[in-house]
């Protein structure tokens, strides 16, 4: 049986390959196995956004921050989502919490926040 860690790594590979449907399925399974895994919820949100489900992405980012309020990738992705939908002030509030956005990268990071910095 695959562990949550192994499945999450597989999901990251799917994100990296822009296979968002497979990533969504994989991260969904990770969150079933380990509901408090902030990284999986945040990555699930990014996959969902790429599949056109902005509300699902918002919910996934909220779940990630509920599991770990200090998980910066979820906060950065939430800021990017707010920015994408014209909530510049909301995006800037989220970004103000973050220390160093330059260190946040990978296939699970939405670069859309840059339009609102």
PDB file of N, CA and C in Angstrom:
ATOM      1  N   UNK A   1       0.845  -1.193   0.000  1.00  0.00           N
ATOM      2  CA  UNK A   1       0.000   0.000   0.000  1.00  0.00           C
ATOM      3  C   UNK A   1       0.885   1.249   0.000  1.00  0.00           C
ATOM      4  N   UNK A   2       0.513   2.231  -0.786  1.00  0.00           N
ATOM      5  CA  UNK A   2       1.258   3.479  -0.840  1.00  0.00           C
ATOM      6  C   UNK A   2       0.958   4.336   0.382  1.00  0.00           C
ATOM      7  N   UNK A   3       1.977   5.000   0.868  1.00  0.00           N
ATOM      8  CA  UNK A   3       1.800   5.910   2.002  1.00  0.00           C
ATOM      9  C   UNK A   3       1.310   7.262   1.496  1.00  0.00           C
ATOM     10  N   UNK A   4       0.844   8.102   2.411  1.00  0.00           N
ATOM     11  CA  UNK A   4       0.423   9.454   2.048  1.00  0.00           C
ATOM     12  C   UNK A   4       1.588  10.221   1.432  1.00  0.00           C
ATOM     13  N   UNK A   5       2.780  10.011   1.991  1.00  0.00           N
ATOM     14  CA  UNK A   5       3.970  10.703   1.473  1.00  0.00           C
ATOM     15  C   UNK A   5       4.258  10.296   0.024  1.00  0.00           C
ATOM     16  N   UNK A   6       4.199   8.994  -0.247  1.00  0.00           N
ATOM     17  CA  UNK A   6       4.468   8.496  -1.598  1.00  0.00           C
ATOM     18  C   UNK A   6       3.403   8.981  -2.581  1.00  0.00           C
ATOM     19  N   UNK A   7       2.156   8.965  -2.159  1.00  0.00           N
ATOM     20  CA  UNK A   7       1.083   9.452  -3.031  1.00  0.00           C
ATOM     21  C   UNK A   7       1.228  10.948  -3.291  1.00  0.00           C
ATOM     22  N   UNK A   8       1.633  11.699  -2.265  1.00  0.00           N
ATOM     23  CA  UNK A   8       1.812  13.134  -2.460  1.00  0.00           C
ATOM     24  C   UNK A   8       2.936  13.399  -3.465  1.00  0.00           C
ATOM     25  N   UNK A   9       4.006  12.644  -3.377  1.00  0.00           N
ATOM     26  CA  UNK A   9       5.104  12.781  -4.340  1.00  0.00           C
ATOM     27  C   UNK A   9       4.614  12.473  -5.759  1.00  0.00           C
ATOM     28  N   UNK A  10       3.780  11.455  -5.895  1.00  0.00           N
ATOM     29  CA  UNK A  10       3.198  11.118  -7.188  1.00  0.00           C
ATOM     30  C   UNK A  10       2.337  12.277  -7.692  1.00  0.00           C
ATOM     31  N   UNK A  11       1.529  12.848  -6.809  1.00  0.00           N
ATOM     32  CA  UNK A  11       0.690  13.991  -7.175  1.00  0.00           C
ATOM     33  C   UNK A  11       1.517  15.172  -7.646  1.00  0.00           C
ATOM     34  N   UNK A  12       2.649  15.412  -6.990  1.00  0.00           N
ATOM     35  CA  UNK A  12       3.529  16.511  -7.406  1.00  0.00           C
ATOM     36  C   UNK A  12       4.075  16.251  -8.808  1.00  0.00           C
ATOM     37  N   UNK A  13       4.368  14.998  -9.089  1.00  0.00           N
ATOM     38  CA  UNK A  13       4.813  14.637 -10.437  1.00  0.00           C
ATOM     39  C   UNK A  13       3.741  14.931 -11.467  1.00  0.00           C
ATOM     40  N   UNK A  14       2.488  14.627 -11.118  1.00  0.00           N
ATOM     41  CA  UNK A  14       1.385  14.939 -12.031  1.00  0.00           C
ATOM     42  C   UNK A  14       1.252  16.445 -12.232  1.00  0.00           C
ATOM     43  N   UNK A  15       1.381  17.226 -11.155  1.00  0.00           N
ATOM     44  CA  UNK A  15       1.316  18.686 -11.296  1.00  0.00           C
ATOM     45  C   UNK A  15       2.431  19.181 -12.201  1.00  0.00           C
ATOM     46  N   UNK A  16       3.620  18.658 -11.979  1.00  0.00           N
ATOM     47  CA  UNK A  16       4.777  19.068 -12.767  1.00  0.00           C
ATOM     48  C   UNK A  16       4.570  18.771 -14.256  1.00  0.00           C
ATOM     49  N   UNK A  17       3.849  17.691 -14.534  1.00  0.00           N
ATOM     50  CA  UNK A  17       3.560  17.295 -15.917  1.00  0.00           C
ATOM     51  C   UNK A  17       2.271  17.933 -16.452  1.00  0.00           C
ATOM     52  N   UNK A  18       1.662  18.825 -15.645  1.00  0.00           N
ATOM     53  CA  UNK A  18       0.418  19.507 -16.017  1.00  0.00           C
ATOM     54  C   UNK A  18      -0.725  18.529 -16.248  1.00  0.00           C
ATOM     55  N   UNK A  19      -0.694  17.398 -15.543  1.00  0.00           N
ATOM     56  CA  UNK A  19      -1.780  16.414 -15.599  1.00  0.00           C
ATOM     57  C   UNK A  19      -2.685  16.660 -14.383  1.00  0.00           C
ATOM     58  N   UNK A  20      -3.468  17.743 -14.479  1.00  0.00           N
ATOM     59  CA  UNK A  20      -4.214  18.231 -13.328  1.00  0.00           C
ATOM     60  C   UNK A  20      -5.323  17.286 -12.870  1.00  0.00           C
ATOM     61  N   UNK A  21      -5.942  16.584 -13.790  1.00  0.00           N
ATOM     62  CA  UNK A  21      -6.974  15.623 -13.398  1.00  0.00           C
ATOM     63  C   UNK A  21      -6.402  14.499 -12.555  1.00  0.00           C
ATOM     64  N   UNK A  22      -5.277  13.966 -12.979  1.00  0.00           N
ATOM     65  CA  UNK A  22      -4.625  12.900 -12.204  1.00  0.00           C
ATOM     66  C   UNK A  22      -4.115  13.444 -10.868  1.00  0.00           C
ATOM     67  N   UNK A  23      -3.618  14.677 -10.891  1.00  0.00           N
ATOM     68  CA  UNK A  23      -3.149  15.301  -9.650  1.00  0.00           C
ATOM     69  C   UNK A  23      -4.315  15.457  -8.673  1.00  0.00           C
ATOM     70  N   UNK A  24      -5.453  15.908  -9.171  1.00  0.00           N
ATOM     71  CA  UNK A  24      -6.622  16.078  -8.303  1.00  0.00           C
ATOM     72  C   UNK A  24      -7.031  14.753  -7.674  1.00  0.00           C
ATOM     73  N   UNK A  25      -7.075  13.716  -8.473  1.00  0.00           N
ATOM     74  CA  UNK A  25      -7.434  12.394  -7.936  1.00  0.00           C
ATOM     75  C   UNK A  25      -6.427  11.933  -6.883  1.00  0.00           C
ATOM     76  N   UNK A  26      -5.154  12.140  -7.177  1.00  0.00           N
ATOM     77  CA  UNK A  26      -4.103  11.673  -6.274  1.00  0.00           C
ATOM     78  C   UNK A  26      -4.122  12.448  -4.964  1.00  0.00           C
ATOM     79  N   UNK A  27      -4.186  13.777  -5.034  1.00  0.00           N
ATOM     80  CA  UNK A  27      -4.203  14.574  -3.803  1.00  0.00           C
ATOM     81  C   UNK A  27      -5.500  14.364  -3.027  1.00  0.00           C
ATOM     82  N   UNK A  28      -6.583  14.111  -3.740  1.00  0.00           N
ATOM     83  CA  UNK A  28      -7.827  13.779  -3.054  1.00  0.00           C
ATOM     84  C   UNK A  28      -7.659  12.533  -2.207  1.00  0.00           C
ATOM     85  N   UNK A  29      -6.972  11.550  -2.739  1.00  0.00           N
ATOM     86  CA  UNK A  29      -6.712  10.316  -1.984  1.00  0.00           C
ATOM     87  C   UNK A  29      -5.791  10.581  -0.802  1.00  0.00           C
ATOM     88  N   UNK A  30      -4.774  11.425  -1.012  1.00  0.00           N
ATOM     89  CA  UNK A  30      -3.862  11.760   0.093  1.00  0.00           C
ATOM     90  C   UNK A  30      -4.653  12.388   1.241  1.00  0.00           C
ATOM     91  N   UNK A  31      -5.546  13.309   0.924  1.00  0.00           N
ATOM     92  CA  UNK A  31      -6.306  13.981   1.985  1.00  0.00           C
ATOM     93  C   UNK A  31      -7.309  13.037   2.649  1.00  0.00           C
ATOM     94  N   UNK A  32      -7.729  12.008   1.937  1.00  0.00           N
ATOM     95  CA  UNK A  32      -8.564  10.977   2.576  1.00  0.00           C
ATOM     96  C   UNK A  32      -7.738  10.188   3.585  1.00  0.00           C
ATOM     97  N   UNK A  33      -6.507   9.884   3.220  1.00  0.00           N
ATOM     98  CA  UNK A  33      -5.625   9.124   4.111  1.00  0.00           C
ATOM     99  C   UNK A  33      -5.154   9.952   5.297  1.00  0.00           C
ATOM    100  N   UNK A  34      -4.898  11.230   5.055  1.00  0.00           N
ATOM    101  CA  UNK A  34      -4.326  12.093   6.085  1.00  0.00           C
ATOM    102  C   UNK A  34      -4.921  13.500   5.925  1.00  0.00           C
ATOM    103  N   UNK A  35      -6.058  13.724   6.562  1.00  0.00           N
ATOM    104  CA  UNK A  35      -6.817  14.955   6.374  1.00  0.00           C
ATOM    105  C   UNK A  35      -6.111  16.207   6.898  1.00  0.00           C
ATOM    106  N   UNK A  36      -5.101  16.040   7.727  1.00  0.00           N
ATOM    107  CA  UNK A  36      -4.404  17.196   8.294  1.00  0.00           C
ATOM    108  C   UNK A  36      -3.135  17.546   7.521  1.00  0.00           C
ATOM    109  N   UNK A  37      -2.979  17.000   6.351  1.00  0.00           N
ATOM    110  CA  UNK A  37      -1.776  17.231   5.535  1.00  0.00           C
ATOM    111  C   UNK A  37      -1.955  18.503   4.702  1.00  0.00           C
ATOM    112  N   UNK A  38      -1.481  19.636   5.229  1.00  0.00           N
ATOM    113  CA  UNK A  38      -1.673  20.942   4.603  1.00  0.00           C
ATOM    114  C   UNK A  38      -1.112  20.985   3.190  1.00  0.00           C
ATOM    115  N   UNK A  39       0.041  20.400   2.983  1.00  0.00           N
ATOM    116  CA  UNK A  39       0.674  20.439   1.662  1.00  0.00           C
ATOM    117  C   UNK A  39      -0.204  19.765   0.607  1.00  0.00           C
ATOM    118  N   UNK A  40      -0.852  18.678   0.963  1.00  0.00           N
ATOM    119  CA  UNK A  40      -1.716  17.972   0.014  1.00  0.00           C
ATOM    120  C   UNK A  40      -2.973  18.779  -0.287  1.00  0.00           C
ATOM    121  N   UNK A  41      -3.550  19.411   0.724  1.00  0.00           N
ATOM    122  CA  UNK A  41      -4.740  20.242   0.494  1.00  0.00           C
ATOM    123  C   UNK A  41      -4.400  21.420  -0.420  1.00  0.00           C
ATOM    124  N   UNK A  42      -3.242  22.057  -0.173  1.00  0.00           N
ATOM    125  CA  UNK A  42      -2.847  23.202  -0.996  1.00  0.00           C
ATOM    126  C   UNK A  42      -2.594  22.777  -2.442  1.00  0.00           C
ATOM    127  N   UNK A  43      -1.919  21.664  -2.631  1.00  0.00           N
ATOM    128  CA  UNK A  43      -1.653  21.166  -3.984  1.00  0.00           C
ATOM    129  C   UNK A  43      -2.956  20.752  -4.672  1.00  0.00           C
ATOM    130  N   UNK A  44      -3.862  20.170  -3.919  1.00  0.00           N
ATOM    131  CA  UNK A  44      -5.181  19.813  -4.452  1.00  0.00           C
ATOM    132  C   UNK A  44      -5.881  21.070  -4.961  1.00  0.00           C
ATOM    133  N   UNK A  45      -5.788  22.147  -4.196  1.00  0.00           N
ATOM    134  CA  UNK A  45      -6.399  23.406  -4.616  1.00  0.00           C
ATOM    135  C   UNK A  45      -5.838  23.904  -5.931  1.00  0.00           C
ATOM    136  N   UNK A  46      -4.531  23.817  -6.102  1.00  0.00           N
ATOM    137  CA  UNK A  46      -3.900  24.275  -7.346  1.00  0.00           C
ATOM    138  C   UNK A  46      -4.355  23.409  -8.522  1.00  0.00           C
ATOM    139  N   UNK A  47      -4.447  22.107  -8.300  1.00  0.00           N
ATOM    140  CA  UNK A  47      -4.945  21.222  -9.356  1.00  0.00           C
ATOM    141  C   UNK A  47      -6.383  21.588  -9.720  1.00  0.00           C
ATOM    142  N   UNK A  48      -7.203  21.834  -8.711  1.00  0.00           N
ATOM    143  CA  UNK A  48      -8.607  22.172  -8.952  1.00  0.00           C
ATOM    144  C   UNK A  48      -8.731  23.491  -9.724  1.00  0.00           C
ATOM    145  N   UNK A  49      -7.924  24.479  -9.359  1.00  0.00           N
ATOM    146  CA  UNK A  49      -7.977  25.756 -10.055  1.00  0.00           C
ATOM    147  C   UNK A  49      -7.631  25.568 -11.533  1.00  0.00           C
ATOM    148  N   UNK A  50      -6.644  24.749 -11.805  1.00  0.00           N
ATOM    149  CA  UNK A  50      -6.247  24.494 -13.194  1.00  0.00           C
ATOM    150  C   UNK A  50      -7.301  23.720 -13.973  1.00  0.00           C
ATOM    151  N   UNK A  51      -8.195  23.070 -13.263  1.00  0.00           N
ATOM    152  CA  UNK A  51      -9.303  22.360 -13.906  1.00  0.00           C
ATOM    153  C   UNK A  51     -10.564  23.223 -13.973  1.00  0.00           C
ATOM    154  N   UNK A  52     -10.444  24.498 -13.544  1.00  0.00           N
ATOM    155  CA  UNK A  52     -11.569  25.422 -13.644  1.00  0.00           C
ATOM    156  C   UNK A  52     -12.458  25.511 -12.425  1.00  0.00           C
ATOM    157  N   UNK A  53     -12.046  24.921 -11.313  1.00  0.00           N
ATOM    158  CA  UNK A  53     -12.875  24.920 -10.101  1.00  0.00           C
ATOM    159  C   UNK A  53     -12.283  25.875  -9.054  1.00  0.00           C
ATOM    160  N   UNK A  54     -12.540  27.175  -9.246  1.00  0.00           N
ATOM    161  CA  UNK A  54     -11.991  28.181  -8.332  1.00  0.00           C
ATOM    162  C   UNK A  54     -12.556  28.045  -6.924  1.00  0.00           C
ATOM    163  N   UNK A  55     -13.829  27.724  -6.795  1.00  0.00           N
ATOM    164  CA  UNK A  55     -14.432  27.582  -5.459  1.00  0.00           C
ATOM    165  C   UNK A  55     -13.855  26.363  -4.736  1.00  0.00           C
ATOM    166  N   UNK A  56     -13.641  25.287  -5.470  1.00  0.00           N
ATOM    167  CA  UNK A  56     -13.010  24.108  -4.879  1.00  0.00           C
ATOM    168  C   UNK A  56     -11.593  24.407  -4.443  1.00  0.00           C
ATOM    169  N   UNK A  57     -10.884  25.195  -5.262  1.00  0.00           N
ATOM    170  CA  UNK A  57      -9.519  25.595  -4.906  1.00  0.00           C
ATOM    171  C   UNK A  57      -9.532  26.409  -3.624  1.00  0.00           C
ATOM    172  N   UNK A  58     -10.456  27.359  -3.534  1.00  0.00           N
ATOM    173  CA  UNK A  58     -10.563  28.204  -2.327  1.00  0.00           C
ATOM    174  C   UNK A  58     -10.804  27.343  -1.096  1.00  0.00           C
ATOM    175  N   UNK A  59     -11.684  26.382  -1.212  1.00  0.00           N
ATOM    176  CA  UNK A  59     -11.984  25.492  -0.089  1.00  0.00           C
ATOM    177  C   UNK A  59     -10.767  24.655   0.299  1.00  0.00           C
ATOM    178  N   UNK A  60     -10.029  24.191  -0.696  1.00  0.00           N
ATOM    179  CA  UNK A  60      -8.837  23.384  -0.418  1.00  0.00           C
ATOM    180  C   UNK A  60      -7.753  24.213   0.267  1.00  0.00           C
ATOM    181  N   UNK A  61      -7.570  25.460  -0.178  1.00  0.00           N
ATOM    182  CA  UNK A  61      -6.587  26.332   0.469  1.00  0.00           C
ATOM    183  C   UNK A  61      -6.993  26.615   1.914  1.00  0.00           C
ATOM    184  N   UNK A  62      -8.294  26.823   2.138  1.00  0.00           N
ATOM    185  CA  UNK A  62      -8.782  27.052   3.501  1.00  0.00           C
ATOM    186  C   UNK A  62      -8.528  25.827   4.378  1.00  0.00           C
ATOM    187  N   UNK A  63      -8.748  24.642   3.818  1.00  0.00           N
ATOM    188  CA  UNK A  63      -8.514  23.402   4.561  1.00  0.00           C
ATOM    189  C   UNK A  63      -7.026  23.259   4.899  1.00  0.00           C
ATOM    190  N   UNK A  64      -6.161  23.646   3.964  1.00  0.00           N
ATOM    191  CA  UNK A  64      -4.715  23.590   4.218  1.00  0.00           C
ATOM    192  C   UNK A  64      -4.342  24.518   5.362  1.00  0.00           C
ATOM    193  N   UNK A  65      -4.887  25.734   5.345  1.00  0.00           N
ATOM    194  CA  UNK A  65      -4.562  26.702   6.391  1.00  0.00           C
ATOM    195  C   UNK A  65      -5.194  26.335   7.723  1.00  0.00           C
ATOM    196  N   UNK A  66      -6.307  25.627   7.671  1.00  0.00           N
ATOM    197  CA  UNK A  66      -6.923  25.118   8.905  1.00  0.00           C
ATOM    198  C   UNK A  66      -6.015  24.044   9.514  1.00  0.00           C
ATOM    199  N   UNK A  67      -5.454  23.196   8.665  1.00  0.00           N
ATOM    200  CA  UNK A  67      -4.559  22.131   9.140  1.00  0.00           C
ATOM    201  C   UNK A  67      -3.244  22.710   9.652  1.00  0.00           C
ATOM    202  N   UNK A  68      -2.742  23.754   8.988  1.00  0.00           N
ATOM    203  CA  UNK A  68      -1.472  24.370   9.387  1.00  0.00           C
ATOM    204  C   UNK A  68      -1.485  25.845   8.972  1.00  0.00           C
ATOM    205  N   UNK A  69      -1.839  26.731   9.912  1.00  0.00           N
ATOM    206  CA  UNK A  69      -1.924  28.158   9.589  1.00  0.00           C
ATOM    207  C   UNK A  69      -0.605  28.768   9.119  1.00  0.00           C
ATOM    208  N   UNK A  70       0.500  28.067   9.313  1.00  0.00           N
ATOM    209  CA  UNK A  70       1.803  28.587   8.895  1.00  0.00           C
ATOM    210  C   UNK A  70       2.253  28.013   7.554  1.00  0.00           C
ATOM    211  N   UNK A  71       1.389  27.275   6.874  1.00  0.00           N
ATOM    212  CA  UNK A  71       1.786  26.683   5.587  1.00  0.00           C
ATOM    213  C   UNK A  71       1.737  27.765   4.507  1.00  0.00           C
ATOM    214  N   UNK A  72       2.889  28.334   4.212  1.00  0.00           N
ATOM    215  CA  UNK A  72       2.989  29.514   3.357  1.00  0.00           C
ATOM    216  C   UNK A  72       2.550  29.296   1.919  1.00  0.00           C
ATOM    217  N   UNK A  73       2.738  28.113   1.369  1.00  0.00           N
ATOM    218  CA  UNK A  73       2.321  27.882  -0.021  1.00  0.00           C
ATOM    219  C   UNK A  73       0.805  28.022  -0.154  1.00  0.00           C
ATOM    220  N   UNK A  74       0.067  27.565   0.847  1.00  0.00           N
ATOM    221  CA  UNK A  74      -1.394  27.698   0.797  1.00  0.00           C
ATOM    222  C   UNK A  74      -1.782  29.167   0.851  1.00  0.00           C
ATOM    223  N   UNK A  75      -1.114  29.936   1.708  1.00  0.00           N
ATOM    224  CA  UNK A  75      -1.426  31.360   1.817  1.00  0.00           C
ATOM    225  C   UNK A  75      -1.060  32.090   0.513  1.00  0.00           C
ATOM    226  N   UNK A  76       0.072  31.741  -0.072  1.00  0.00           N
ATOM    227  CA  UNK A  76       0.487  32.349  -1.333  1.00  0.00           C
ATOM    228  C   UNK A  76      -0.511  32.021  -2.440  1.00  0.00           C
ATOM    229  N   UNK A  77      -0.940  30.772  -2.512  1.00  0.00           N
ATOM    230  CA  UNK A  77      -1.916  30.373  -3.532  1.00  0.00           C
ATOM    231  C   UNK A  77      -3.263  31.049  -3.306  1.00  0.00           C
ATOM    232  N   UNK A  78      -3.642  31.231  -2.052  1.00  0.00           N
ATOM    233  CA  UNK A  78      -4.882  31.941  -1.745  1.00  0.00           C
ATOM    234  C   UNK A  78      -4.762  33.396  -2.202  1.00  0.00           C
ATOM    235  N   UNK A  79      -3.615  34.010  -1.960  1.00  0.00           N
ATOM    236  CA  UNK A  79      -3.386  35.384  -2.426  1.00  0.00           C
ATOM    237  C   UNK A  79      -3.486  35.451  -3.946  1.00  0.00           C
ATOM    238  N   UNK A  80      -2.895  34.477  -4.624  1.00  0.00           N
ATOM    239  CA  UNK A  80      -2.951  34.438  -6.087  1.00  0.00           C
ATOM    240  C   UNK A  80      -4.391  34.290  -6.574  1.00  0.00           C
ATOM    241  N   UNK A  81      -5.156  33.459  -5.893  1.00  0.00           N
ATOM    242  CA  UNK A  81      -6.557  33.261  -6.273  1.00  0.00           C
ATOM    243  C   UNK A  81      -7.328  34.564  -6.103  1.00  0.00           C
ATOM    244  N   UNK A  82      -7.123  35.233  -4.976  1.00  0.00           N
ATOM    245  CA  UNK A  82      -7.790  36.522  -4.747  1.00  0.00           C
ATOM    246  C   UNK A  82      -7.406  37.513  -5.847  1.00  0.00           C
ATOM    247  N   UNK A  83      -6.126  37.539  -6.189  1.00  0.00           N
ATOM    248  CA  UNK A  83      -5.629  38.447  -7.215  1.00  0.00           C
ATOM    249  C   UNK A  83      -6.280  38.148  -8.563  1.00  0.00           C
ATOM    250  N   UNK A  84      -6.361  36.881  -8.914  1.00  0.00           N
ATOM    251  CA  UNK A  84      -6.964  36.480 -10.191  1.00  0.00           C
ATOM    252  C   UNK A  84      -8.395  36.981 -10.336  1.00  0.00           C
ATOM    253  N   UNK A  85      -9.099  37.084  -9.218  1.00  0.00           N
ATOM    254  CA  UNK A  85     -10.504  37.479  -9.263  1.00  0.00           C
ATOM    255  C   UNK A  85     -10.722  38.928  -8.829  1.00  0.00           C
ATOM    256  N   UNK A  86      -9.657  39.737  -8.882  1.00  0.00           N
ATOM    257  CA  UNK A  86      -9.789  41.170  -8.671  1.00  0.00           C
ATOM    258  C   UNK A  86      -9.793  41.648  -7.240  1.00  0.00           C
ATOM    259  N   UNK A  87      -9.550  40.782  -6.283  1.00  0.00           N
ATOM    260  CA  UNK A  87      -9.508  41.179  -4.875  1.00  0.00           C
ATOM    261  C   UNK A  87      -8.066  41.532  -4.498  1.00  0.00           C
ATOM    262  N   UNK A  88      -7.597  42.656  -5.029  1.00  0.00           N
ATOM    263  CA  UNK A  88      -6.210  43.073  -4.807  1.00  0.00           C
ATOM    264  C   UNK A  88      -5.933  43.312  -3.328  1.00  0.00           C
ATOM    265  N   UNK A  89      -6.862  43.954  -2.630  1.00  0.00           N
ATOM    266  CA  UNK A  89      -6.656  44.227  -1.202  1.00  0.00           C
ATOM    267  C   UNK A  89      -6.565  42.926  -0.408  1.00  0.00           C
ATOM    268  N   UNK A  90      -7.443  41.986  -0.712  1.00  0.00           N
ATOM    269  CA  UNK A  90      -7.414  40.689  -0.033  1.00  0.00           C
ATOM    270  C   UNK A  90      -6.118  39.950  -0.316  1.00  0.00           C
ATOM    271  N   UNK A  91      -5.667  40.019  -1.562  1.00  0.00           N
ATOM    272  CA  UNK A  91      -4.403  39.369  -1.934  1.00  0.00           C
ATOM    273  C   UNK A  91      -3.251  39.994  -1.158  1.00  0.00           C
ATOM    274  N   UNK A  92      -3.234  41.306  -1.073  1.00  0.00           N
ATOM    275  CA  UNK A  92      -2.146  41.982  -0.361  1.00  0.00           C
ATOM    276  C   UNK A  92      -2.161  41.678   1.127  1.00  0.00           C
ATOM    277  N   UNK A  93      -3.358  41.513   1.705  1.00  0.00           N
ATOM    278  CA  UNK A  93      -3.447  41.112   3.126  1.00  0.00           C
ATOM    279  C   UNK A  93      -2.820  39.736   3.341  1.00  0.00           C
ATOM    280  N   UNK A  94      -3.112  38.807   2.426  1.00  0.00           N
ATOM    281  CA  UNK A  94      -2.523  37.468   2.530  1.00  0.00           C
ATOM    282  C   UNK A  94      -1.011  37.543   2.358  1.00  0.00           C
ATOM    283  N   UNK A  95      -0.547  38.310   1.376  1.00  0.00           N
ATOM    284  CA  UNK A  95       0.887  38.419   1.100  1.00  0.00           C
ATOM    285  C   UNK A  95       1.635  39.077   2.252  1.00  0.00           C
ATOM    286  N   UNK A  96       0.976  39.988   2.971  1.00  0.00           N
ATOM    287  CA  UNK A  96       1.626  40.696   4.077  1.00  0.00           C
ATOM    288  C   UNK A  96       2.038  39.748   5.201  1.00  0.00           C
ATOM    289  N   UNK A  97       1.362  38.608   5.300  1.00  0.00           N
ATOM    290  CA  UNK A  97       1.663  37.625   6.340  1.00  0.00           C
ATOM    291  C   UNK A  97       2.947  36.856   6.028  1.00  0.00           C
ATOM    292  N   UNK A  98       3.281  36.774   4.741  1.00  0.00           N
ATOM    293  CA  UNK A  98       4.405  35.949   4.302  1.00  0.00           C
ATOM    294  C   UNK A  98       5.734  36.688   4.442  1.00  0.00           C
ATOM    295  N   UNK A  99       6.748  35.944   4.839  1.00  0.00           N
ATOM    296  CA  UNK A  99       8.085  36.525   5.035  1.00  0.00           C
ATOM    297  C   UNK A  99       8.867  36.620   3.726  1.00  0.00           C
ATOM    298  N   UNK A 100       9.025  35.501   3.030  1.00  0.00           N
ATOM    299  CA  UNK A 100       9.890  35.465   1.850  1.00  0.00           C
ATOM    300  C   UNK A 100       9.235  34.657   0.735  1.00  0.00           C
ATOM    301  N   UNK A 101       8.519  35.354  -0.120  1.00  0.00           N
ATOM    302  CA  UNK A 101       7.814  34.668  -1.204  1.00  0.00           C
ATOM    303  C   UNK A 101       8.779  34.063  -2.217  1.00  0.00           C
ATOM    304  N   UNK A 102       9.996  34.586  -2.293  1.00  0.00           N
ATOM    305  CA  UNK A 102      10.975  34.092  -3.247  1.00  0.00           C
ATOM    306  C   UNK A 102      11.379  32.650  -3.035  1.00  0.00           C
ATOM    307  N   UNK A 103      11.217  32.156  -1.819  1.00  0.00           N
ATOM    308  CA  UNK A 103      11.592  30.769  -1.520  1.00  0.00           C
ATOM    309  C   UNK A 103      10.456  29.792  -1.807  1.00  0.00           C
ATOM    310  N   UNK A 104       9.281  30.318  -2.115  1.00  0.00           N
ATOM    311  CA  UNK A 104       8.118  29.466  -2.355  1.00  0.00           C
ATOM    312  C   UNK A 104       8.012  29.174  -3.843  1.00  0.00           C
ATOM    313  N   UNK A 105       8.334  27.946  -4.212  1.00  0.00           N
ATOM    314  CA  UNK A 105       8.265  27.569  -5.617  1.00  0.00           C
ATOM    315  C   UNK A 105       7.939  26.098  -5.732  1.00  0.00           C
ATOM    316  N   UNK A 106       7.803  25.640  -6.942  1.00  0.00           N
ATOM    317  CA  UNK A 106       7.470  24.244  -7.198  1.00  0.00           C
ATOM    318  C   UNK A 106       6.232  24.130  -8.052  1.00  0.00           C
ATOM    319  N   UNK A 107       5.886  22.916  -8.440  1.00  0.00           N
ATOM    320  CA  UNK A 107       4.734  22.715  -9.327  1.00  0.00           C
ATOM    321  C   UNK A 107       3.401  23.010  -8.648  1.00  0.00           C
ATOM    322  N   UNK A 108       3.412  23.183  -7.314  1.00  0.00           N
ATOM    323  CA  UNK A 108       2.183  23.430  -6.570  1.00  0.00           C
ATOM    324  C   UNK A 108       2.015  24.903  -6.191  1.00  0.00           C
ATOM    325  N   UNK A 109       2.758  25.805  -6.835  1.00  0.00           N
ATOM    326  CA  UNK A 109       2.687  27.222  -6.503  1.00  0.00           C
ATOM    327  C   UNK A 109       2.112  28.012  -7.679  1.00  0.00           C
ATOM    328  N   UNK A 110       1.120  28.828  -7.388  1.00  0.00           N
ATOM    329  CA  UNK A 110       0.470  29.690  -8.369  1.00  0.00           C
ATOM    330  C   UNK A 110       1.215  31.027  -8.405  1.00  0.00           C
ATOM    331  N   UNK A 111       1.832  31.347  -9.513  1.00  0.00           N
ATOM    332  CA  UNK A 111       2.583  32.603  -9.644  1.00  0.00           C
ATOM    333  C   UNK A 111       1.670  33.806  -9.867  1.00  0.00           C
ATOM    334  N   UNK A 112       0.377  33.606  -9.880  1.00  0.00           N
ATOM    335  CA  UNK A 112      -0.569  34.694 -10.113  1.00  0.00           C
ATOM    336  C   UNK A 112      -0.529  35.804  -9.074  1.00  0.00           C
ATOM    337  N   UNK A 113       0.040  35.550  -7.916  1.00  0.00           N
ATOM    338  CA  UNK A 113       0.124  36.562  -6.858  1.00  0.00           C
ATOM    339  C   UNK A 113       0.967  37.756  -7.285  1.00  0.00           C
ATOM    340  N   UNK A 114       1.888  37.548  -8.211  1.00  0.00           N
ATOM    341  CA  UNK A 114       2.812  38.614  -8.607  1.00  0.00           C
ATOM    342  C   UNK A 114       2.099  39.828  -9.189  1.00  0.00           C
ATOM    343  N   UNK A 115       0.919  39.629  -9.742  1.00  0.00           N
ATOM    344  CA  UNK A 115       0.155  40.733 -10.316  1.00  0.00           C
ATOM    345  C   UNK A 115      -0.407  41.653  -9.235  1.00  0.00           C
ATOM    346  N   UNK A 116      -0.386  41.251  -7.991  1.00  0.00           N
ATOM    347  CA  UNK A 116      -0.981  42.037  -6.909  1.00  0.00           C
ATOM    348  C   UNK A 116       0.018  42.480  -5.846  1.00  0.00           C
ATOM    349  N   UNK A 117       1.291  42.205  -6.026  1.00  0.00           N
ATOM    350  CA  UNK A 117       2.234  42.528  -4.959  1.00  0.00           C
ATOM    351  C   UNK A 117       2.465  43.993  -4.738  1.00  0.00           C
TER     352      UNK A 117
END
